[in-house]
PDB file of N, CA and C in Angstrom:
ATOM      1  N   MET A   1      58.675-161.426 -66.434  1.00  0.00           N
ATOM      2  CA  MET A   1      58.451-161.663 -65.028  1.00  0.00           C
ATOM      3  C   MET A   1      58.859-160.408 -64.255  1.00  0.00           C
ATOM      4  N   HIS A   2      57.881-159.605 -63.870  1.00  0.00           N
ATOM      5  CA  HIS A   2      58.160-158.362 -63.157  1.00  0.00           C
ATOM      6  C   HIS A   2      58.486-158.602 -61.685  1.00  0.00           C
ATOM      7  N   GLU A   3      58.299-159.807 -61.212  1.00  0.00           N
ATOM      8  CA  GLU A   3      58.579-160.124 -59.815  1.00  0.00           C
ATOM      9  C   GLU A   3      60.042-159.897 -59.453  1.00  0.00           C
ATOM     10  N   LEU A   4      60.971-160.164 -60.375  1.00  0.00           N
ATOM     11  CA  LEU A   4      62.391-159.980 -60.063  1.00  0.00           C
ATOM     12  C   LEU A   4      62.684-158.526 -59.717  1.00  0.00           C
ATOM     13  N   GLY A   5      62.170-157.607 -60.502  1.00  0.00           N
ATOM     14  CA  GLY A   5      62.372-156.187 -60.217  1.00  0.00           C
ATOM     15  C   GLY A   5      61.779-155.785 -58.881  1.00  0.00           C
ATOM     16  N   VAL A   6      60.628-156.328 -58.566  1.00  0.00           N
ATOM     17  CA  VAL A   6      59.971-156.027 -57.285  1.00  0.00           C
ATOM     18  C   VAL A   6      60.792-156.597 -56.134  1.00  0.00           C
ATOM     19  N   VAL A   7      61.271-157.820 -56.273  1.00  0.00           N
ATOM     20  CA  VAL A   7      62.072-158.435 -55.207  1.00  0.00           C
ATOM     21  C   VAL A   7      63.375-157.663 -55.006  1.00  0.00           C
ATOM     22  N   ILE A   8      63.980-157.195 -56.068  1.00  0.00           N
ATOM     23  CA  ILE A   8      65.205-156.391 -55.945  1.00  0.00           C
ATOM     24  C   ILE A   8      64.914-155.113 -55.158  1.00  0.00           C
ATOM     25  N   GLU A   9      63.774-154.486 -55.398  1.00  0.00           N
ATOM     26  CA  GLU A   9      63.393-153.287 -54.638  1.00  0.00           C
ATOM     27  C   GLU A   9      63.128-153.626 -53.172  1.00  0.00           C
ATOM     28  N   VAL A  10      62.524-154.772 -52.910  1.00  0.00           N
ATOM     29  CA  VAL A  10      62.304-155.208 -51.527  1.00  0.00           C
ATOM     30  C   VAL A  10      63.645-155.389 -50.828  1.00  0.00           C
ATOM     31  N   VAL A  11      64.597-156.015 -51.499  1.00  0.00           N
ATOM     32  CA  VAL A  11      65.927-156.234 -50.925  1.00  0.00           C
ATOM     33  C   VAL A  11      66.587-154.890 -50.617  1.00  0.00           C
ATOM     34  N   LYS A  12      66.483-153.930 -51.517  1.00  0.00           N
ATOM     35  CA  LYS A  12      67.049-152.595 -51.275  1.00  0.00           C
ATOM     36  C   LYS A  12      66.414-151.955 -50.042  1.00  0.00           C
ATOM     37  N   THR A  13      65.112-152.083 -49.923  1.00  0.00           N
ATOM     38  CA  THR A  13      64.395-151.511 -48.780  1.00  0.00           C
ATOM     39  C   THR A  13      64.827-152.171 -47.477  1.00  0.00           C
ATOM     40  N   VAL A  14      64.925-153.485 -47.482  1.00  0.00           N
ATOM     41  CA  VAL A  14      65.324-154.222 -46.270  1.00  0.00           C
ATOM     42  C   VAL A  14      66.766-153.884 -45.902  1.00  0.00           C
ATOM     43  N   LYS A  15      67.644-153.766 -46.891  1.00  0.00           N
ATOM     44  CA  LYS A  15      69.033-153.387 -46.620  1.00  0.00           C
ATOM     45  C   LYS A  15      69.087-152.015 -45.962  1.00  0.00           C
ATOM     46  N   LYS A  16      68.289-151.082 -46.455  1.00  0.00           N
ATOM     47  CA  LYS A  16      68.248-149.730 -45.884  1.00  0.00           C
ATOM     48  C   LYS A  16      67.776-149.776 -44.433  1.00  0.00           C
ATOM     49  N   ILE A  17      66.727-150.547 -44.172  1.00  0.00           N
ATOM     50  CA  ILE A  17      66.205-150.694 -42.812  1.00  0.00           C
ATOM     51  C   ILE A  17      67.259-151.343 -41.907  1.00  0.00           C
ATOM     52  N   ALA A  18      67.943-152.349 -42.422  1.00  0.00           N
ATOM     53  CA  ALA A  18      68.975-153.040 -41.641  1.00  0.00           C
ATOM     54  C   ALA A  18      70.086-152.063 -41.242  1.00  0.00           C
ATOM     55  N   ILE A  19      70.478-151.195 -42.144  1.00  0.00           N
ATOM     56  CA  ILE A  19      71.513-150.198 -41.838  1.00  0.00           C
ATOM     57  C   ILE A  19      70.992-149.214 -40.788  1.00  0.00           C
ATOM     58  N   GLU A  20      69.773-148.721 -40.988  1.00  0.00           N
ATOM     59  CA  GLU A  20      69.190-147.766 -40.041  1.00  0.00           C
ATOM     60  C   GLU A  20      69.043-148.367 -38.640  1.00  0.00           C
ATOM     61  N   GLN A  21      68.684-149.653 -38.568  1.00  0.00           N
ATOM     62  CA  GLN A  21      68.460-150.320 -37.285  1.00  0.00           C
ATOM     63  C   GLN A  21      69.715-151.031 -36.763  1.00  0.00           C
ATOM     64  N   GLN A  22      70.814-150.880 -37.476  1.00  0.00           N
ATOM     65  CA  GLN A  22      72.100-151.484 -37.122  1.00  0.00           C
ATOM     66  C   GLN A  22      72.001-153.003 -36.962  1.00  0.00           C
ATOM     67  N   LEU A  23      71.296-153.619 -37.888  1.00  0.00           N
ATOM     68  CA  LEU A  23      71.172-155.079 -37.896  1.00  0.00           C
ATOM     69  C   LEU A  23      72.341-155.655 -38.681  1.00  0.00           C
ATOM     70  N   THR A  24      72.978-156.665 -38.133  1.00  0.00           N
ATOM     71  CA  THR A  24      74.104-157.276 -38.838  1.00  0.00           C
ATOM     72  C   THR A  24      73.728-158.593 -39.499  1.00  0.00           C
ATOM     73  N   LYS A  25      72.683-159.227 -38.996  1.00  0.00           N
ATOM     74  CA  LYS A  25      72.248-160.499 -39.584  1.00  0.00           C
ATOM     75  C   LYS A  25      70.729-160.578 -39.528  1.00  0.00           C
ATOM     76  N   ILE A  26      70.148-160.991 -40.624  1.00  0.00           N
ATOM     77  CA  ILE A  26      68.704-161.162 -40.711  1.00  0.00           C
ATOM     78  C   ILE A  26      68.423-162.643 -40.922  1.00  0.00           C
ATOM     79  N   ASP A  27      67.513-163.168 -40.112  1.00  0.00           N
ATOM     80  CA  ASP A  27      67.172-164.584 -40.199  1.00  0.00           C
ATOM     81  C   ASP A  27      66.058-164.836 -41.212  1.00  0.00           C
ATOM     82  N   THR A  28      64.979-164.038 -41.121  1.00  0.00           N
ATOM     83  CA  THR A  28      63.797-164.289 -41.942  1.00  0.00           C
ATOM     84  C   THR A  28      63.197-162.980 -42.426  1.00  0.00           C
ATOM     85  N   LEU A  29      62.739-163.004 -43.663  1.00  0.00           N
ATOM     86  CA  LEU A  29      61.985-161.888 -44.228  1.00  0.00           C
ATOM     87  C   LEU A  29      60.583-162.407 -44.507  1.00  0.00           C
ATOM     88  N   VAL A  30      59.584-161.705 -43.963  1.00  0.00           N
ATOM     89  CA  VAL A  30      58.196-162.121 -44.140  1.00  0.00           C
ATOM     90  C   VAL A  30      57.490-161.110 -45.049  1.00  0.00           C
ATOM     91  N   LEU A  31      56.959-161.613 -46.159  1.00  0.00           N
ATOM     92  CA  LEU A  31      56.190-160.780 -47.080  1.00  0.00           C
ATOM     93  C   LEU A  31      54.723-161.189 -47.018  1.00  0.00           C
ATOM     94  N   GLN A  32      53.857-160.222 -47.207  1.00  0.00           N
ATOM     95  CA  GLN A  32      52.431-160.503 -47.335  1.00  0.00           C
ATOM     96  C   GLN A  32      52.018-160.169 -48.760  1.00  0.00           C
ATOM     97  N   ILE A  33      51.333-161.104 -49.392  1.00  0.00           N
ATOM     98  CA  ILE A  33      50.895-160.929 -50.774  1.00  0.00           C
ATOM     99  C   ILE A  33      49.404-161.238 -50.848  1.00  0.00           C
ATOM    100  N   GLY A  34      48.647-160.289 -51.333  1.00  0.00           N
ATOM    101  CA  GLY A  34      47.215-160.503 -51.507  1.00  0.00           C
ATOM    102  C   GLY A  34      46.962-161.457 -52.659  1.00  0.00           C
ATOM    103  N   GLU A  35      45.961-162.314 -52.482  1.00  0.00           N
ATOM    104  CA  GLU A  35      45.693-163.312 -53.521  1.00  0.00           C
ATOM    105  C   GLU A  35      45.139-162.679 -54.799  1.00  0.00           C
ATOM    106  N   LEU A  36      44.790-161.408 -54.769  1.00  0.00           N
ATOM    107  CA  LEU A  36      44.323-160.712 -55.963  1.00  0.00           C
ATOM    108  C   LEU A  36      45.386-159.774 -56.531  1.00  0.00           C
ATOM    109  N   SER A  37      46.575-159.766 -55.932  1.00  0.00           N
ATOM    110  CA  SER A  37      47.637-158.877 -56.419  1.00  0.00           C
ATOM    111  C   SER A  37      48.230-159.437 -57.707  1.00  0.00           C
ATOM    112  N   SER A  38      49.030-158.627 -58.349  1.00  0.00           N
ATOM    113  CA  SER A  38      49.666-159.078 -59.592  1.00  0.00           C
ATOM    114  C   SER A  38      50.931-159.896 -59.334  1.00  0.00           C
ATOM    115  N   MET A  39      51.321-160.033 -58.067  1.00  0.00           N
ATOM    116  CA  MET A  39      52.509-160.802 -57.706  1.00  0.00           C
ATOM    117  C   MET A  39      52.160-162.281 -57.568  1.00  0.00           C
ATOM    118  N   ILE A  40      52.989-163.120 -58.122  1.00  0.00           N
ATOM    119  CA  ILE A  40      52.778-164.565 -58.045  1.00  0.00           C
ATOM    120  C   ILE A  40      53.784-165.123 -57.040  1.00  0.00           C
ATOM    121  N   PRO A  41      53.286-165.619 -55.901  1.00  0.00           N
ATOM    122  CA  PRO A  41      54.190-166.053 -54.831  1.00  0.00           C
ATOM    123  C   PRO A  41      55.297-167.010 -55.257  1.00  0.00           C
ATOM    124  N   ARG A  42      54.997-167.981 -56.093  1.00  0.00           N
ATOM    125  CA  ARG A  42      56.057-168.932 -56.472  1.00  0.00           C
ATOM    126  C   ARG A  42      57.138-168.256 -57.311  1.00  0.00           C
ATOM    127  N   TYR A  43      56.782-167.216 -58.085  1.00  0.00           N
ATOM    128  CA  TYR A  43      57.792-166.466 -58.832  1.00  0.00           C
ATOM    129  C   TYR A  43      58.652-165.635 -57.885  1.00  0.00           C
ATOM    130  N   ILE A  44      58.030-165.085 -56.853  1.00  0.00           N
ATOM    131  CA  ILE A  44      58.776-164.339 -55.838  1.00  0.00           C
ATOM    132  C   ILE A  44      59.798-165.277 -55.196  1.00  0.00           C
ATOM    133  N   GLU A  45      59.352-166.471 -54.839  1.00  0.00           N
ATOM    134  CA  GLU A  45      60.246-167.460 -54.218  1.00  0.00           C
ATOM    135  C   GLU A  45      61.386-167.848 -55.157  1.00  0.00           C
ATOM    136  N   GLN A  46      61.095-167.969 -56.449  1.00  0.00           N
ATOM    137  CA  GLN A  46      62.127-168.346 -57.416  1.00  0.00           C
ATOM    138  C   GLN A  46      63.137-167.222 -57.633  1.00  0.00           C
ATOM    139  N   CYS A  47      62.689-165.977 -57.598  1.00  0.00           N
ATOM    140  CA  CYS A  47      63.566-164.822 -57.821  1.00  0.00           C
ATOM    141  C   CYS A  47      64.420-164.495 -56.602  1.00  0.00           C
ATOM    142  N   TYR A  48      63.926-164.843 -55.440  1.00  0.00           N
ATOM    143  CA  TYR A  48      64.552-164.415 -54.188  1.00  0.00           C
ATOM    144  C   TYR A  48      66.039-164.768 -54.085  1.00  0.00           C
ATOM    145  N   PRO A  49      66.459-166.007 -54.342  1.00  0.00           N
ATOM    146  CA  PRO A  49      67.887-166.331 -54.207  1.00  0.00           C
ATOM    147  C   PRO A  49      68.796-165.442 -55.066  1.00  0.00           C
ATOM    148  N   ALA A  50      68.392-165.156 -56.281  1.00  0.00           N
ATOM    149  CA  ALA A  50      69.210-164.308 -57.150  1.00  0.00           C
ATOM    150  C   ALA A  50      69.236-162.868 -56.639  1.00  0.00           C
ATOM    151  N   ALA A  51      68.114-162.389 -56.124  1.00  0.00           N
ATOM    152  CA  ALA A  51      68.029-161.002 -55.656  1.00  0.00           C
ATOM    153  C   ALA A  51      68.838-160.764 -54.386  1.00  0.00           C
ATOM    154  N   VAL A  52      68.968-161.777 -53.530  1.00  0.00           N
ATOM    155  CA  VAL A  52      69.686-161.598 -52.267  1.00  0.00           C
ATOM    156  C   VAL A  52      71.151-162.024 -52.336  1.00  0.00           C
ATOM    157  N   ASP A  53      71.569-162.628 -53.419  1.00  0.00           N
ATOM    158  CA  ASP A  53      72.945-163.114 -53.566  1.00  0.00           C
ATOM    159  C   ASP A  53      73.941-161.974 -53.352  1.00  0.00           C
ATOM    160  N   GLY A  54      74.864-162.179 -52.425  1.00  0.00           N
ATOM    161  CA  GLY A  54      75.893-161.184 -52.155  1.00  0.00           C
ATOM    162  C   GLY A  54      75.446-160.028 -51.268  1.00  0.00           C
ATOM    163  N   THR A  55      74.263-160.131 -50.675  1.00  0.00           N
ATOM    164  CA  THR A  55      73.752-159.063 -49.801  1.00  0.00           C
ATOM    165  C   THR A  55      73.646-159.573 -48.360  1.00  0.00           C
ATOM    166  N   ILE A  56      73.282-158.678 -47.460  1.00  0.00           N
ATOM    167  CA  ILE A  56      73.068-159.048 -46.062  1.00  0.00           C
ATOM    168  C   ILE A  56      71.943-160.076 -45.923  1.00  0.00           C
ATOM    169  N   LEU A  57      71.104-160.179 -46.924  1.00  0.00           N
ATOM    170  CA  LEU A  57      69.978-161.117 -46.890  1.00  0.00           C
ATOM    171  C   LEU A  57      70.315-162.480 -47.500  1.00  0.00           C
ATOM    172  N   GLN A  58      71.543-162.673 -47.898  1.00  0.00           N
ATOM    173  CA  GLN A  58      71.936-163.883 -48.636  1.00  0.00           C
ATOM    174  C   GLN A  58      71.524-165.182 -47.955  1.00  0.00           C
ATOM    175  N   ASP A  59      71.635-165.258 -46.645  1.00  0.00           N
ATOM    176  CA  ASP A  59      71.327-166.506 -45.944  1.00  0.00           C
ATOM    177  C   ASP A  59      69.973-166.471 -45.241  1.00  0.00           C
ATOM    178  N   THR A  60      69.134-165.533 -45.610  1.00  0.00           N
ATOM    179  CA  THR A  60      67.829-165.416 -44.945  1.00  0.00           C
ATOM    180  C   THR A  60      66.815-166.400 -45.514  1.00  0.00           C
ATOM    181  N   LYS A  61      65.803-166.659 -44.682  1.00  0.00           N
ATOM    182  CA  LYS A  61      64.666-167.453 -45.131  1.00  0.00           C
ATOM    183  C   LYS A  61      63.593-166.480 -45.591  1.00  0.00           C
ATOM    184  N   LEU A  62      62.891-166.834 -46.621  1.00  0.00           N
ATOM    185  CA  LEU A  62      61.774-166.039 -47.103  1.00  0.00           C
ATOM    186  C   LEU A  62      60.491-166.744 -46.707  1.00  0.00           C
ATOM    187  N   LYS A  63      59.594-166.004 -46.060  1.00  0.00           N
ATOM    188  CA  LYS A  63      58.287-166.548 -45.703  1.00  0.00           C
ATOM    189  C   LYS A  63      57.243-165.666 -46.373  1.00  0.00           C
ATOM    190  N   ILE A  64      56.299-166.291 -47.047  1.00  0.00           N
ATOM    191  CA  ILE A  64      55.239-165.549 -47.725  1.00  0.00           C
ATOM    192  C   ILE A  64      53.903-165.917 -47.099  1.00  0.00           C
ATOM    193  N   GLU A  65      53.160-164.885 -46.707  1.00  0.00           N
ATOM    194  CA  GLU A  65      51.809-165.071 -46.192  1.00  0.00           C
ATOM    195  C   GLU A  65      50.836-164.565 -47.252  1.00  0.00           C
ATOM    196  N   ILE A  66      49.864-165.370 -47.574  1.00  0.00           N
ATOM    197  CA  ILE A  66      48.860-165.000 -48.564  1.00  0.00           C
ATOM    198  C   ILE A  66      47.665-164.370 -47.842  1.00  0.00           C
ATOM    199  N   LEU A  67      47.312-163.162 -48.273  1.00  0.00           N
ATOM    200  CA  LEU A  67      46.162-162.471 -47.699  1.00  0.00           C
ATOM    201  C   LEU A  67      44.945-162.713 -48.587  1.00  0.00           C
ATOM    202  N   PRO A  68      43.794-162.984 -47.986  1.00  0.00           N
ATOM    203  CA  PRO A  68      42.604-163.297 -48.782  1.00  0.00           C
ATOM    204  C   PRO A  68      42.090-162.090 -49.557  1.00  0.00           C
ATOM    205  N   GLY A  69      41.486-162.390 -50.691  1.00  0.00           N
ATOM    206  CA  GLY A  69      40.838-161.365 -51.505  1.00  0.00           C
ATOM    207  C   GLY A  69      39.379-161.271 -51.107  1.00  0.00           C
ATOM    208  N   ASN A  70      39.088-160.369 -50.194  1.00  0.00           N
ATOM    209  CA  ASN A  70      37.728-160.260 -49.674  1.00  0.00           C
ATOM    210  C   ASN A  70      37.017-159.030 -50.216  1.00  0.00           C
ATOM    211  N   GLY A  71      35.723-159.186 -50.360  1.00  0.00           N
ATOM    212  CA  GLY A  71      34.860-158.085 -50.753  1.00  0.00           C
ATOM    213  C   GLY A  71      33.677-158.011 -49.815  1.00  0.00           C
ATOM    214  N   ILE A  72      32.978-156.893 -49.876  1.00  0.00           N
ATOM    215  CA  ILE A  72      31.749-156.747 -49.100  1.00  0.00           C
ATOM    216  C   ILE A  72      30.610-156.482 -50.076  1.00  0.00           C
ATOM    217  N   CYS A  73      29.537-157.222 -49.916  1.00  0.00           N
ATOM    218  CA  CYS A  73      28.381-157.084 -50.794  1.00  0.00           C
ATOM    219  C   CYS A  73      27.709-155.737 -50.534  1.00  0.00           C
ATOM    220  N   LYS A  74      27.443-155.002 -51.602  1.00  0.00           N
ATOM    221  CA  LYS A  74      26.788-153.701 -51.469  1.00  0.00           C
ATOM    222  C   LYS A  74      25.291-153.835 -51.185  1.00  0.00           C
ATOM    223  N   ASN A  75      24.743-155.025 -51.390  1.00  0.00           N
ATOM    224  CA  ASN A  75      23.317-155.244 -51.141  1.00  0.00           C
ATOM    225  C   ASN A  75      23.028-155.711 -49.716  1.00  0.00           C
ATOM    226  N   CYS A  76      23.795-156.697 -49.227  1.00  0.00           N
ATOM    227  CA  CYS A  76      23.473-157.282 -47.915  1.00  0.00           C
ATOM    228  C   CYS A  76      24.592-157.135 -46.881  1.00  0.00           C
ATOM    229  N   ASN A  77      25.705-156.502 -47.276  1.00  0.00           N
ATOM    230  CA  ASN A  77      26.861-156.259 -46.387  1.00  0.00           C
ATOM    231  C   ASN A  77      27.602-157.516 -45.939  1.00  0.00           C
ATOM    232  N   LYS A  78      27.418-158.612 -46.620  1.00  0.00           N
ATOM    233  CA  LYS A  78      28.145-159.850 -46.315  1.00  0.00           C
ATOM    234  C   LYS A  78      29.593-159.704 -46.801  1.00  0.00           C
ATOM    235  N   VAL A  79      30.548-160.025 -45.931  1.00  0.00           N
ATOM    236  CA  VAL A  79      31.957-160.057 -46.305  1.00  0.00           C
ATOM    237  C   VAL A  79      32.255-161.475 -46.777  1.00  0.00           C
ATOM    238  N   PHE A  80      32.897-161.589 -47.953  1.00  0.00           N
ATOM    239  CA  PHE A  80      33.153-162.916 -48.511  1.00  0.00           C
ATOM    240  C   PHE A  80      34.419-162.925 -49.351  1.00  0.00           C
ATOM    241  N   ASN A  81      34.983-164.127 -49.522  1.00  0.00           N
ATOM    242  CA  ASN A  81      36.159-164.300 -50.355  1.00  0.00           C
ATOM    243  C   ASN A  81      35.726-164.311 -51.814  1.00  0.00           C
ATOM    244  N   LEU A  82      36.311-163.406 -52.584  1.00  0.00           N
ATOM    245  CA  LEU A  82      35.908-163.244 -53.977  1.00  0.00           C
ATOM    246  C   LEU A  82      36.245-164.459 -54.841  1.00  0.00           C
ATOM    247  N   LEU A  83      37.424-165.025 -54.652  1.00  0.00           N
ATOM    248  CA  LEU A  83      37.830-166.163 -55.478  1.00  0.00           C
ATOM    249  C   LEU A  83      37.038-167.423 -55.147  1.00  0.00           C
ATOM    250  N   GLU A  84      36.842-167.669 -53.858  1.00  0.00           N
ATOM    251  CA  GLU A  84      36.101-168.872 -53.445  1.00  0.00           C
ATOM    252  C   GLU A  84      34.640-168.828 -53.872  1.00  0.00           C
ATOM    253  N   ASN A  85      34.107-167.627 -54.074  1.00  0.00           N
ATOM    254  CA  ASN A  85      32.687-167.472 -54.394  1.00  0.00           C
ATOM    255  C   ASN A  85      32.452-166.925 -55.802  1.00  0.00           C
ATOM    256  N   ASN A  86      33.463-167.069 -56.666  1.00  0.00           N
ATOM    257  CA  ASN A  86      33.338-166.617 -58.055  1.00  0.00           C
ATOM    258  C   ASN A  86      32.849-165.173 -58.179  1.00  0.00           C
ATOM    259  N   ARG A  87      33.331-164.337 -57.250  1.00  0.00           N
ATOM    260  CA  ARG A  87      33.012-162.903 -57.239  1.00  0.00           C
ATOM    261  C   ARG A  87      31.516-162.620 -57.108  1.00  0.00           C
ATOM    262  N   LYS A  88      30.822-163.548 -56.452  1.00  0.00           N
ATOM    263  CA  LYS A  88      29.378-163.412 -56.250  1.00  0.00           C
ATOM    264  C   LYS A  88      29.068-163.642 -54.780  1.00  0.00           C
ATOM    265  N   CYS A  89      28.254-162.794 -54.193  1.00  0.00           N
ATOM    266  CA  CYS A  89      27.903-162.909 -52.782  1.00  0.00           C
ATOM    267  C   CYS A  89      27.237-164.254 -52.511  1.00  0.00           C
ATOM    268  N   PRO A  90      27.767-165.015 -51.544  1.00  0.00           N
ATOM    269  CA  PRO A  90      27.165-166.317 -51.244  1.00  0.00           C
ATOM    270  C   PRO A  90      25.817-166.202 -50.525  1.00  0.00           C
ATOM    271  N   LYS A  91      25.532-165.034 -49.981  1.00  0.00           N
ATOM    272  CA  LYS A  91      24.279-164.864 -49.246  1.00  0.00           C
ATOM    273  C   LYS A  91      23.124-164.465 -50.164  1.00  0.00           C
ATOM    274  N   CYS A  92      23.371-163.431 -51.032  1.00  0.00           N
ATOM    275  CA  CYS A  92      22.265-162.933 -51.862  1.00  0.00           C
ATOM    276  C   CYS A  92      22.516-163.083 -53.368  1.00  0.00           C
ATOM    277  N   GLN A  93      23.683-163.641 -53.729  1.00  0.00           N
ATOM    278  CA  GLN A  93      24.061-163.907 -55.122  1.00  0.00           C
ATOM    279  C   GLN A  93      24.368-162.645 -55.939  1.00  0.00           C
ATOM    280  N   SER A  94      24.462-161.506 -55.289  1.00  0.00           N
ATOM    281  CA  SER A  94      24.758-160.251 -55.980  1.00  0.00           C
ATOM    282  C   SER A  94      26.207-160.233 -56.468  1.00  0.00           C
ATOM    283  N   LYS A  95      26.430-159.581 -57.586  1.00  0.00           N
ATOM    284  CA  LYS A  95      27.791-159.358 -58.091  1.00  0.00           C
ATOM    285  C   LYS A  95      28.200-157.901 -57.877  1.00  0.00           C
ATOM    286  N   ASP A  96      27.449-157.202 -57.053  1.00  0.00           N
ATOM    287  CA  ASP A  96      27.722-155.805 -56.739  1.00  0.00           C
ATOM    288  C   ASP A  96      28.425-155.746 -55.385  1.00  0.00           C
ATOM    289  N   TRP A  97      29.754-155.663 -55.409  1.00  0.00           N
ATOM    290  CA  TRP A  97      30.544-155.701 -54.196  1.00  0.00           C
ATOM    291  C   TRP A  97      31.654-154.664 -54.253  1.00  0.00           C
ATOM    292  N   GLU A  98      32.254-154.430 -53.102  1.00  0.00           N
ATOM    293  CA  GLU A  98      33.391-153.509 -52.993  1.00  0.00           C
ATOM    294  C   GLU A  98      34.574-154.291 -52.443  1.00  0.00           C
ATOM    295  N   LEU A  99      35.731-154.082 -53.028  1.00  0.00           N
ATOM    296  CA  LEU A  99      36.944-154.782 -52.593  1.00  0.00           C
ATOM    297  C   LEU A  99      37.386-154.271 -51.225  1.00  0.00           C
ATOM    298  N   LEU A 100      37.649-155.188 -50.311  1.00  0.00           N
ATOM    299  CA  LEU A 100      38.149-154.832 -48.981  1.00  0.00           C
ATOM    300  C   LEU A 100      39.653-155.064 -48.867  1.00  0.00           C
ATOM    301  N   CYS A 101      40.124-156.194 -49.368  1.00  0.00           N
ATOM    302  CA  CYS A 101      41.542-156.522 -49.264  1.00  0.00           C
ATOM    303  C   CYS A 101      41.877-157.631 -50.263  1.00  0.00           C
ATOM    304  N   GLY A 102      43.171-157.776 -50.505  1.00  0.00           N
ATOM    305  CA  GLY A 102      43.612-158.850 -51.384  1.00  0.00           C
ATOM    306  C   GLY A 102      44.564-158.409 -52.472  1.00  0.00           C
ATOM    307  N   LYS A 103      44.813-157.096 -52.585  1.00  0.00           N
ATOM    308  CA  LYS A 103      45.750-156.613 -53.604  1.00  0.00           C
ATOM    309  C   LYS A 103      47.083-156.172 -52.992  1.00  0.00           C
ATOM    310  N   GLU A 104      47.249-156.450 -51.704  1.00  0.00           N
ATOM    311  CA  GLU A 104      48.433-155.987 -50.990  1.00  0.00           C
ATOM    312  C   GLU A 104      49.709-156.714 -51.428  1.00  0.00           C
ATOM    313  N   PHE A 105      50.803-156.003 -51.259  1.00  0.00           N
ATOM    314  CA  PHE A 105      52.141-156.587 -51.363  1.00  0.00           C
ATOM    315  C   PHE A 105      53.000-155.762 -50.423  1.00  0.00           C
ATOM    316  N   MET A 106      53.410-156.370 -49.303  1.00  0.00           N
ATOM    317  CA  MET A 106      54.164-155.587 -48.334  1.00  0.00           C
ATOM    318  C   MET A 106      55.139-156.436 -47.536  1.00  0.00           C
ATOM    319  N   ILE A 107      56.101-155.732 -46.995  1.00  0.00           N
ATOM    320  CA  ILE A 107      57.033-156.350 -46.057  1.00  0.00           C
ATOM    321  C   ILE A 107      56.344-156.343 -44.708  1.00  0.00           C
ATOM    322  N   LYS A 108      56.104-157.516 -44.163  1.00  0.00           N
ATOM    323  CA  LYS A 108      55.435-157.605 -42.864  1.00  0.00           C
ATOM    324  C   LYS A 108      56.429-157.562 -41.722  1.00  0.00           C
ATOM    325  N   GLU A 109      57.524-158.304 -41.893  1.00  0.00           N
ATOM    326  CA  GLU A 109      58.427-158.463 -40.761  1.00  0.00           C
ATOM    327  C   GLU A 109      59.849-158.776 -41.241  1.00  0.00           C
ATOM    328  N   ILE A 110      60.797-158.226 -40.516  1.00  0.00           N
ATOM    329  CA  ILE A 110      62.209-158.537 -40.713  1.00  0.00           C
ATOM    330  C   ILE A 110      62.682-159.116 -39.392  1.00  0.00           C
ATOM    331  N   VAL A 111      63.020-160.397 -39.386  1.00  0.00           N
ATOM    332  CA  VAL A 111      63.428-161.073 -38.156  1.00  0.00           C
ATOM    333  C   VAL A 111      64.951-161.110 -38.105  1.00  0.00           C
ATOM    334  N   ALA A 112      65.500-160.395 -37.133  1.00  0.00           N
ATOM    335  CA  ALA A 112      66.958-160.345 -36.976  1.00  0.00           C
ATOM    336  C   ALA A 112      67.420-161.462 -36.040  1.00  0.00           C
ATOM    337  N   CYS A 113      68.647-161.853 -36.202  1.00  0.00           N
ATOM    338  CA  CYS A 113      69.237-162.886 -35.327  1.00  0.00           C
ATOM    339  C   CYS A 113      69.738-162.253 -34.054  1.00  0.00           C
TER     340      CYS A 113
END
């Protein structure tokens, strides 16, 4: 489960930002995860308590937003969700598309008290 290592790095990054911004308490950490990324949201949620234990983030809430995996058809320019449409354009049925979004993994927001 590589999610634990990633969450530990996120915690390090947030701690650094908290020090730079002179934050003493953080209420919520918001992550964005693309539905096509290699990160599995429920594993992130399971790893989070262990990764934040004993840190400034210990009592924070974790919120995860899932970003859609969208592509654009190279034939008809239709933007569509790849997973919902089995990676096939719903307009022209083409499988020739370009990825627009969905592989992201980022810190969206740090909500301080």
